[in-house]
Amino acid sequence: MDQCTLPINLLQQIIADSIEIGYDKAMEDHNEATKVEVSKQWAYKKYSRKLVDRWIEIGIVKVYVHGGHDKLNRHELFKAHKTYNWHIHKIKIEKYSK
């Protein structure tokens, strides 16, 4: 079995991101006042057009048409934002596992 040694700060960041994703989903599921559908414009302002369009292109975030307007799921956006940089974590993990 291969072993992987990670620096504590990287492991803490991975755990913190996972907790935030779970908390966000739990709040969405239990709070009817939480706005789940957001406009593309809102997503572009919050996360940048380049990232949002890329997430849509690769299928991480789905576009829903509601009332003739494109809508995105706020939770999908948040999850994509928190996990999008995992390729950076993967590079760090590979570096420390050698």
C-alpha atoms as a PDB file:
ATOM      1  CA  MET A   1       0.000   0.000   0.000  1.00  0.00           C
ATOM      2  CA  ASP A   2       1.360   3.415  -0.943  1.00  0.00           C
ATOM      3  CA  GLN A   3       1.684   6.006   1.752  1.00  0.00           C
ATOM      4  CA  CYS A   4       1.203   9.706   1.291  1.00  0.00           C
ATOM      5  CA  THR A   5       2.600  12.305   3.654  1.00  0.00           C
ATOM      6  CA  LEU A   6       0.920  15.687   3.551  1.00  0.00           C
ATOM      7  CA  PRO A   7       1.875  18.902   5.263  1.00  0.00           C
ATOM      8  CA  ILE A   8      -0.574  19.681   8.054  1.00  0.00           C
ATOM      9  CA  ASN A   9      -1.680  22.999   6.513  1.00  0.00           C
ATOM     10  CA  LEU A  10      -2.654  21.306   3.236  1.00  0.00           C
ATOM     11  CA  LEU A  11      -4.616  18.628   5.073  1.00  0.00           C
ATOM     12  CA  GLN A  12      -6.343  21.304   7.174  1.00  0.00           C
ATOM     13  CA  GLN A  13      -7.354  23.210   4.025  1.00  0.00           C
ATOM     14  CA  ILE A  14      -8.771  20.084   2.371  1.00  0.00           C
ATOM     15  CA  ILE A  15     -10.790  19.252   5.504  1.00  0.00           C
ATOM     16  CA  ALA A  16     -11.991  22.864   5.927  1.00  0.00           C
ATOM     17  CA  ASP A  17     -13.164  23.002   2.292  1.00  0.00           C
ATOM     18  CA  SER A  18     -15.035  19.710   2.699  1.00  0.00           C
ATOM     19  CA  ILE A  19     -16.758  20.949   5.854  1.00  0.00           C
ATOM     20  CA  GLU A  20     -17.796  24.208   4.162  1.00  0.00           C
ATOM     21  CA  ILE A  21     -19.291  22.298   1.221  1.00  0.00           C
ATOM     22  CA  GLY A  22     -21.277  20.059   3.578  1.00  0.00           C
ATOM     23  CA  TYR A  23     -22.455  22.997   5.678  1.00  0.00           C
ATOM     24  CA  ASP A  24     -23.552  24.936   2.599  1.00  0.00           C
ATOM     25  CA  LYS A  25     -25.554  21.955   1.338  1.00  0.00           C
ATOM     26  CA  ALA A  26     -27.135  21.399   4.762  1.00  0.00           C
ATOM     27  CA  MET A  27     -28.187  25.041   4.983  1.00  0.00           C
ATOM     28  CA  GLU A  28     -29.687  24.838   1.502  1.00  0.00           C
ATOM     29  CA  ASP A  29     -31.654  21.701   2.412  1.00  0.00           C
ATOM     30  CA  HIS A  30     -33.020  23.069   5.696  1.00  0.00           C
ATOM     31  CA  ASN A  31     -33.603  26.745   5.011  1.00  0.00           C
ATOM     32  CA  GLU A  32     -36.385  27.533   2.566  1.00  0.00           C
ATOM     33  CA  ALA A  33     -35.301  31.186   2.496  1.00  0.00           C
ATOM     34  CA  THR A  34     -31.933  30.224   0.970  1.00  0.00           C
ATOM     35  CA  LYS A  35     -31.860  31.275  -2.658  1.00  0.00           C
ATOM     36  CA  VAL A  36     -30.816  28.194  -4.617  1.00  0.00           C
ATOM     37  CA  GLU A  37     -31.211  29.413  -8.201  1.00  0.00           C
ATOM     38  CA  VAL A  38     -29.008  32.331  -9.179  1.00  0.00           C
ATOM     39  CA  SER A  39     -28.476  34.160 -12.449  1.00  0.00           C
ATOM     40  CA  LYS A  40     -25.399  33.785 -14.603  1.00  0.00           C
ATOM     41  CA  GLN A  41     -24.645  37.463 -13.983  1.00  0.00           C
ATOM     42  CA  TRP A  42     -24.580  36.844 -10.232  1.00  0.00           C
ATOM     43  CA  ALA A  43     -22.243  33.874 -10.744  1.00  0.00           C
ATOM     44  CA  TYR A  44     -19.977  35.889 -13.055  1.00  0.00           C
ATOM     45  CA  LYS A  45     -19.655  38.670 -10.470  1.00  0.00           C
ATOM     46  CA  LYS A  46     -18.983  36.235  -7.628  1.00  0.00           C
ATOM     47  CA  TYR A  47     -16.636  33.740  -9.325  1.00  0.00           C
ATOM     48  CA  SER A  48     -15.603  35.334 -12.686  1.00  0.00           C
ATOM     49  CA  ARG A  49     -16.959  34.678 -16.144  1.00  0.00           C
ATOM     50  CA  LYS A  50     -13.939  32.582 -17.129  1.00  0.00           C
ATOM     51  CA  LEU A  51     -14.347  30.099 -14.261  1.00  0.00           C
ATOM     52  CA  VAL A  52     -18.135  29.848 -14.477  1.00  0.00           C
ATOM     53  CA  ASP A  53     -18.070  29.248 -18.231  1.00  0.00           C
ATOM     54  CA  ARG A  54     -15.379  26.588 -17.760  1.00  0.00           C
ATOM     55  CA  TRP A  55     -17.376  24.819 -15.038  1.00  0.00           C
ATOM     56  CA  ILE A  56     -20.419  24.806 -17.342  1.00  0.00           C
ATOM     57  CA  GLU A  57     -18.352  23.581 -20.289  1.00  0.00           C
ATOM     58  CA  ILE A  58     -16.909  20.603 -18.418  1.00  0.00           C
ATOM     59  CA  GLY A  59     -20.247  19.763 -16.758  1.00  0.00           C
ATOM     60  CA  ILE A  60     -19.495  20.635 -13.128  1.00  0.00           C
ATOM     61  CA  VAL A  61     -22.292  23.233 -13.101  1.00  0.00           C
ATOM     62  CA  LYS A  62     -25.529  22.753 -15.044  1.00  0.00           C
ATOM     63  CA  VAL A  63     -27.560  25.548 -16.629  1.00  0.00           C
ATOM     64  CA  TYR A  64     -31.318  25.485 -15.965  1.00  0.00           C
ATOM     65  CA  VAL A  65     -33.817  27.564 -17.910  1.00  0.00           C
ATOM     66  CA  HIS A  66     -36.410  29.126 -15.630  1.00  0.00           C
ATOM     67  CA  GLY A  67     -38.845  31.695 -16.941  1.00  0.00           C
ATOM     68  CA  GLY A  68     -36.835  32.084 -20.124  1.00  0.00           C
ATOM     69  CA  HIS A  69     -33.643  32.917 -18.211  1.00  0.00           C
ATOM     70  CA  ASP A  70     -30.529  30.844 -17.598  1.00  0.00           C
ATOM     71  CA  LYS A  71     -30.207  29.924 -13.933  1.00  0.00           C
ATOM     72  CA  LEU A  72     -27.447  28.155 -12.036  1.00  0.00           C
ATOM     73  CA  ASN A  73     -27.562  26.233  -8.768  1.00  0.00           C
ATOM     74  CA  ARG A  74     -25.796  28.218  -6.044  1.00  0.00           C
ATOM     75  CA  HIS A  75     -24.654  25.044  -4.279  1.00  0.00           C
ATOM     76  CA  GLU A  76     -23.109  23.625  -7.473  1.00  0.00           C
ATOM     77  CA  LEU A  77     -21.229  26.901  -7.941  1.00  0.00           C
ATOM     78  CA  PHE A  78     -19.978  26.923  -4.350  1.00  0.00           C
ATOM     79  CA  LYS A  79     -18.877  23.291  -4.579  1.00  0.00           C
ATOM     80  CA  ALA A  80     -17.094  23.940  -7.883  1.00  0.00           C
ATOM     81  CA  HIS A  81     -15.372  26.972  -6.365  1.00  0.00           C
ATOM     82  CA  LYS A  82     -14.161  24.960  -3.379  1.00  0.00           C
ATOM     83  CA  THR A  83     -13.028  21.918  -5.366  1.00  0.00           C
ATOM     84  CA  TYR A  84     -11.888  23.507  -8.626  1.00  0.00           C
ATOM     85  CA  ASN A  85      -8.327  24.005  -7.367  1.00  0.00           C
ATOM     86  CA  TRP A  86      -7.908  20.394  -6.285  1.00  0.00           C
ATOM     87  CA  HIS A  87      -5.541  19.899  -9.205  1.00  0.00           C
ATOM     88  CA  ILE A  88      -3.192  22.187  -7.262  1.00  0.00           C
ATOM     89  CA  HIS A  89      -3.696  20.035  -4.165  1.00  0.00           C
ATOM     90  CA  LYS A  90      -3.034  16.937  -6.287  1.00  0.00           C
ATOM     91  CA  ILE A  91       0.277  18.368  -7.473  1.00  0.00           C
ATOM     92  CA  LYS A  92       1.230  19.111  -3.856  1.00  0.00           C
ATOM     93  CA  ILE A  93       0.122  15.636  -2.776  1.00  0.00           C
ATOM     94  CA  GLU A  94       2.196  13.992  -5.511  1.00  0.00           C
ATOM     95  CA  LYS A  95       5.185  16.129  -4.495  1.00  0.00           C
ATOM     96  CA  TYR A  96       4.969  15.029  -0.860  1.00  0.00           C
ATOM     97  CA  SER A  97       4.186  11.381  -1.560  1.00  0.00           C
ATOM     98  CA  LYS A  98       7.486  10.780  -3.357  1.00  0.00           C
END
